[in-house]
Amino acid sequence: MIDINNESGFEVDEAVLLRLTQHNLAALRVSPDADVAIVLVDEGAMEALHVQWMDEPGPTDVLSFPMDELRPGSEEEPTPAGLLGDIVLCPQVAETQAAAAGHTTMDELILLTTHGLLHLLGFDHAEPDEEREMFGLQKELIAAFAAEERRRTR
């Protein structure tokens, strides 16, 4: 089950985030019954979480809180249902980053949601080889979702 809770006061197309997460879970062969929560918070709430969990000041764009340590599955053996974890997004930070990157806030939230989901599934980018793998997969997932969305709206 995918639960989306917007506490940010920022208008976000939650249906797109839902379709994105469903798409990414299917692409990564994770059970559609895996539980993931996406929470959108304002800068104050995000800063409090950032300080509490990362010991870093200021709001950040996305935080991930994995629960059952689920990993991507395969065609033969999909990941079983379980508690994947929480993705916390800050749309206000995303809006600033989107402007700097020259794309929409929704595009930035799609990127951040995908990034957060990959962290829930055990991906990291601390080492150069991990970063290449994670960001390569992130780019593939986003491109495939964009193609799916274009087909959907024809």
C-alpha atoms as a PDB file:
ATOM      1  CA  MET A   1       0.000   0.000   0.000  1.00  0.00           C
ATOM      2  CA  ILE A   2       1.255   3.451  -0.883  1.00  0.00           C
ATOM      3  CA  ASP A   3       0.144   6.171   1.497  1.00  0.00           C
ATOM      4  CA  ILE A   4       0.679   9.825   0.557  1.00  0.00           C
ATOM      5  CA  ASN A   5       0.191  12.517   3.179  1.00  0.00           C
ATOM      6  CA  ASN A   6       0.735  16.159   2.216  1.00  0.00           C
ATOM      7  CA  GLU A   7       1.356  18.224   5.354  1.00  0.00           C
ATOM      8  CA  SER A   8       3.442  20.840   3.521  1.00  0.00           C
ATOM      9  CA  GLY A   9       0.789  23.384   2.554  1.00  0.00           C
ATOM     10  CA  PHE A  10       2.261  23.172  -0.973  1.00  0.00           C
ATOM     11  CA  GLU A  11      -0.053  21.967  -3.738  1.00  0.00           C
ATOM     12  CA  VAL A  12       1.302  18.728  -5.222  1.00  0.00           C
ATOM     13  CA  ASP A  13      -0.244  16.315  -7.737  1.00  0.00           C
ATOM     14  CA  GLU A  14      -0.391  13.308  -5.436  1.00  0.00           C
ATOM     15  CA  ALA A  15      -1.826  11.098  -8.202  1.00  0.00           C
ATOM     16  CA  VAL A  16       1.435  11.490 -10.150  1.00  0.00           C
ATOM     17  CA  LEU A  17       3.498  10.505  -7.093  1.00  0.00           C
ATOM     18  CA  LEU A  18       1.232   7.483  -6.593  1.00  0.00           C
ATOM     19  CA  ARG A  19       1.593   6.361 -10.236  1.00  0.00           C
ATOM     20  CA  LEU A  20       5.359   6.969 -10.064  1.00  0.00           C
ATOM     21  CA  THR A  21       5.773   4.860  -6.945  1.00  0.00           C
ATOM     22  CA  GLN A  22       3.595   2.061  -8.371  1.00  0.00           C
ATOM     23  CA  HIS A  23       5.652   2.169 -11.579  1.00  0.00           C
ATOM     24  CA  ASN A  24       8.980   2.092  -9.736  1.00  0.00           C
ATOM     25  CA  LEU A  25       7.942  -0.745  -7.409  1.00  0.00           C
ATOM     26  CA  ALA A  26       6.836  -2.813 -10.421  1.00  0.00           C
ATOM     27  CA  ALA A  27      10.048  -2.032 -12.327  1.00  0.00           C
ATOM     28  CA  LEU A  28      12.139  -3.046  -9.305  1.00  0.00           C
ATOM     29  CA  ARG A  29      10.082  -6.248  -8.849  1.00  0.00           C
ATOM     30  CA  VAL A  30       8.836  -5.274  -5.395  1.00  0.00           C
ATOM     31  CA  SER A  31       5.459  -6.606  -4.298  1.00  0.00           C
ATOM     32  CA  PRO A  32       2.644  -4.115  -4.918  1.00  0.00           C
ATOM     33  CA  ASP A  33       1.576  -5.005  -1.366  1.00  0.00           C
ATOM     34  CA  ALA A  34       4.771  -3.548   0.126  1.00  0.00           C
ATOM     35  CA  ASP A  35       3.944  -0.595   2.368  1.00  0.00           C
ATOM     36  CA  VAL A  36       5.546   2.750   1.617  1.00  0.00           C
ATOM     37  CA  ALA A  37       4.567   6.134   3.020  1.00  0.00           C
ATOM     38  CA  ILE A  38       5.332   9.407   1.276  1.00  0.00           C
ATOM     39  CA  VAL A  39       5.027  12.430   3.527  1.00  0.00           C
ATOM     40  CA  LEU A  40       5.379  15.985   2.250  1.00  0.00           C
ATOM     41  CA  VAL A  41       6.374  18.469   4.943  1.00  0.00           C
ATOM     42  CA  ASP A  42       7.211  22.160   5.163  1.00  0.00           C
ATOM     43  CA  GLU A  43      10.721  23.509   5.662  1.00  0.00           C
ATOM     44  CA  GLY A  44      10.431  23.734   9.457  1.00  0.00           C
ATOM     45  CA  ALA A  45       9.391  20.101   9.841  1.00  0.00           C
ATOM     46  CA  MET A  46      12.052  18.965   7.368  1.00  0.00           C
ATOM     47  CA  GLU A  47      14.762  20.918   9.177  1.00  0.00           C
ATOM     48  CA  ALA A  48      13.746  19.275  12.482  1.00  0.00           C
ATOM     49  CA  LEU A  49      14.008  15.803  10.889  1.00  0.00           C
ATOM     50  CA  HIS A  50      17.295  16.693   9.198  1.00  0.00           C
ATOM     51  CA  VAL A  51      18.832  17.772  12.515  1.00  0.00           C
ATOM     52  CA  GLN A  52      17.360  14.823  14.442  1.00  0.00           C
ATOM     53  CA  TRP A  53      18.367  12.049  12.017  1.00  0.00           C
ATOM     54  CA  MET A  54      21.349  13.415  10.071  1.00  0.00           C
ATOM     55  CA  ASP A  55      22.705  15.934  12.593  1.00  0.00           C
ATOM     56  CA  GLU A  56      22.803  18.536   9.809  1.00  0.00           C
ATOM     57  CA  PRO A  57      21.301  22.028   9.967  1.00  0.00           C
ATOM     58  CA  GLY A  58      18.682  23.414   7.566  1.00  0.00           C
ATOM     59  CA  PRO A  59      15.943  21.719   5.600  1.00  0.00           C
ATOM     60  CA  THR A  60      16.853  19.139   2.975  1.00  0.00           C
ATOM     61  CA  ASP A  61      14.960  17.912  -0.092  1.00  0.00           C
ATOM     62  CA  VAL A  62      14.341  14.242   0.772  1.00  0.00           C
ATOM     63  CA  LEU A  63      14.916  11.837   3.655  1.00  0.00           C
ATOM     64  CA  SER A  64      14.331   8.082   3.581  1.00  0.00           C
ATOM     65  CA  PHE A  65      13.564   5.868   6.538  1.00  0.00           C
ATOM     66  CA  PRO A  66      13.846   2.164   5.565  1.00  0.00           C
ATOM     67  CA  MET A  67      12.021  -0.354   7.744  1.00  0.00           C
ATOM     68  CA  ASP A  68      12.191  -4.051   6.742  1.00  0.00           C
ATOM     69  CA  GLU A  69      15.400  -3.795   4.673  1.00  0.00           C
ATOM     70  CA  LEU A  70      13.633  -5.028   1.543  1.00  0.00           C
ATOM     71  CA  ARG A  71      15.710  -5.211  -1.656  1.00  0.00           C
ATOM     72  CA  PRO A  72      14.732  -5.209  -5.348  1.00  0.00           C
ATOM     73  CA  GLY A  73      13.507  -8.561  -6.595  1.00  0.00           C
ATOM     74  CA  SER A  74      13.770 -10.393  -9.894  1.00  0.00           C
ATOM     75  CA  GLU A  75      11.301 -11.720 -12.453  1.00  0.00           C
ATOM     76  CA  GLU A  76      11.588 -15.193 -10.875  1.00  0.00           C
ATOM     77  CA  GLU A  77      11.562 -13.973  -7.299  1.00  0.00           C
ATOM     78  CA  PRO A  78       9.823 -10.655  -6.639  1.00  0.00           C
ATOM     79  CA  THR A  79      10.398  -8.956  -3.314  1.00  0.00           C
ATOM     80  CA  PRO A  80       7.705 -10.090  -0.867  1.00  0.00           C
ATOM     81  CA  ALA A  81       5.255  -7.733   0.764  1.00  0.00           C
ATOM     82  CA  GLY A  82       6.602  -5.939   3.798  1.00  0.00           C
ATOM     83  CA  LEU A  83       7.134  -2.542   5.325  1.00  0.00           C
ATOM     84  CA  LEU A  84       9.397  -0.709   2.885  1.00  0.00           C
ATOM     85  CA  GLY A  85       9.530   2.550   4.851  1.00  0.00           C
ATOM     86  CA  ASP A  86       8.929   6.286   4.646  1.00  0.00           C
ATOM     87  CA  ILE A  87      10.001   8.914   2.142  1.00  0.00           C
ATOM     88  CA  VAL A  88       9.819  12.487   3.440  1.00  0.00           C
ATOM     89  CA  LEU A  89       9.822  15.258   0.823  1.00  0.00           C
ATOM     90  CA  CYS A  90      10.032  19.033   1.202  1.00  0.00           C
ATOM     91  CA  PRO A  91       8.300  20.665  -1.794  1.00  0.00           C
ATOM     92  CA  GLN A  92       9.603  24.125  -0.876  1.00  0.00           C
ATOM     93  CA  VAL A  93      13.213  22.920  -1.145  1.00  0.00           C
ATOM     94  CA  ALA A  94      12.298  20.999  -4.311  1.00  0.00           C
ATOM     95  CA  GLU A  95      10.857  24.181  -5.828  1.00  0.00           C
ATOM     96  CA  THR A  96      14.145  26.049  -5.290  1.00  0.00           C
ATOM     97  CA  GLN A  97      16.179  23.160  -6.731  1.00  0.00           C
ATOM     98  CA  ALA A  98      13.825  22.836  -9.711  1.00  0.00           C
ATOM     99  CA  ALA A  99      14.262  26.516 -10.576  1.00  0.00           C
ATOM    100  CA  ALA A 100      18.054  26.126 -10.422  1.00  0.00           C
ATOM    101  CA  ALA A 101      17.895  22.980 -12.590  1.00  0.00           C
ATOM    102  CA  GLY A 102      15.512  24.532 -15.131  1.00  0.00           C
ATOM    103  CA  HIS A 103      12.613  22.120 -14.732  1.00  0.00           C
ATOM    104  CA  THR A 104       9.280  22.015 -12.905  1.00  0.00           C
ATOM    105  CA  THR A 105       8.785  21.420  -9.203  1.00  0.00           C
ATOM    106  CA  MET A 106       6.835  18.265 -10.089  1.00  0.00           C
ATOM    107  CA  ASP A 107       9.813  16.989 -12.125  1.00  0.00           C
ATOM    108  CA  GLU A 108      12.013  17.598  -9.084  1.00  0.00           C
ATOM    109  CA  LEU A 109       9.552  15.778  -6.802  1.00  0.00           C
ATOM    110  CA  ILE A 110       9.530  12.828  -9.242  1.00  0.00           C
ATOM    111  CA  LEU A 111      13.324  12.721  -9.072  1.00  0.00           C
ATOM    112  CA  LEU A 112      13.367  13.016  -5.274  1.00  0.00           C
ATOM    113  CA  THR A 113      10.645  10.375  -4.778  1.00  0.00           C
ATOM    114  CA  THR A 114      12.532   7.944  -7.013  1.00  0.00           C
ATOM    115  CA  HIS A 115      15.785   8.761  -5.186  1.00  0.00           C
ATOM    116  CA  GLY A 116      14.116   8.203  -1.807  1.00  0.00           C
ATOM    117  CA  LEU A 117      12.615   4.890  -2.923  1.00  0.00           C
ATOM    118  CA  LEU A 118      16.008   3.629  -4.067  1.00  0.00           C
ATOM    119  CA  HIS A 119      17.418   4.476  -0.636  1.00  0.00           C
ATOM    120  CA  LEU A 120      14.574   2.469   0.956  1.00  0.00           C
ATOM    121  CA  LEU A 121      15.677  -0.472  -1.193  1.00  0.00           C
ATOM    122  CA  GLY A 122      19.264  -0.297   0.013  1.00  0.00           C
ATOM    123  CA  PHE A 123      20.904   1.815  -2.691  1.00  0.00           C
ATOM    124  CA  ASP A 124      23.415   4.455  -1.656  1.00  0.00           C
ATOM    125  CA  HIS A 125      25.764   6.935  -3.289  1.00  0.00           C
ATOM    126  CA  ALA A 126      28.595   7.256  -0.761  1.00  0.00           C
ATOM    127  CA  GLU A 127      31.134   5.559  -3.053  1.00  0.00           C
ATOM    128  CA  PRO A 128      31.670   6.405  -6.763  1.00  0.00           C
ATOM    129  CA  ASP A 129      30.600   2.944  -8.011  1.00  0.00           C
ATOM    130  CA  GLU A 130      27.473   3.019  -5.805  1.00  0.00           C
ATOM    131  CA  GLU A 131      26.678   6.511  -7.073  1.00  0.00           C
ATOM    132  CA  ARG A 132      26.990   5.425 -10.725  1.00  0.00           C
ATOM    133  CA  GLU A 133      24.681   2.450 -10.119  1.00  0.00           C
ATOM    134  CA  MET A 134      22.082   4.371  -8.117  1.00  0.00           C
ATOM    135  CA  PHE A 135      21.947   7.460 -10.330  1.00  0.00           C
ATOM    136  CA  GLY A 136      21.938   5.324 -13.493  1.00  0.00           C
ATOM    137  CA  LEU A 137      18.976   3.306 -12.202  1.00  0.00           C
ATOM    138  CA  GLN A 138      17.257   6.499 -11.026  1.00  0.00           C
ATOM    139  CA  LYS A 139      17.590   7.997 -14.520  1.00  0.00           C
ATOM    140  CA  GLU A 140      16.236   4.801 -16.162  1.00  0.00           C
ATOM    141  CA  LEU A 141      13.226   4.651 -13.822  1.00  0.00           C
ATOM    142  CA  ILE A 142      12.341   8.316 -14.392  1.00  0.00           C
ATOM    143  CA  ALA A 143      12.683   8.003 -18.185  1.00  0.00           C
ATOM    144  CA  ALA A 144      10.482   4.888 -18.234  1.00  0.00           C
ATOM    145  CA  PHE A 145       7.876   6.603 -16.043  1.00  0.00           C
ATOM    146  CA  ALA A 146       7.876   9.686 -18.297  1.00  0.00           C
ATOM    147  CA  ALA A 147       7.297   7.448 -21.342  1.00  0.00           C
ATOM    148  CA  GLU A 148       4.466   5.663 -19.511  1.00  0.00           C
ATOM    149  CA  GLU A 149       2.879   9.003 -18.597  1.00  0.00           C
ATOM    150  CA  ARG A 150       3.070  10.191 -22.228  1.00  0.00           C
ATOM    151  CA  ARG A 151       1.292   7.000 -23.371  1.00  0.00           C
ATOM    152  CA  ARG A 152      -1.321   7.416 -20.629  1.00  0.00           C
ATOM    153  CA  THR A 153      -2.244  10.941 -21.656  1.00  0.00           C
ATOM    154  CA  ARG A 154      -2.540  10.319 -25.406  1.00  0.00           C
END
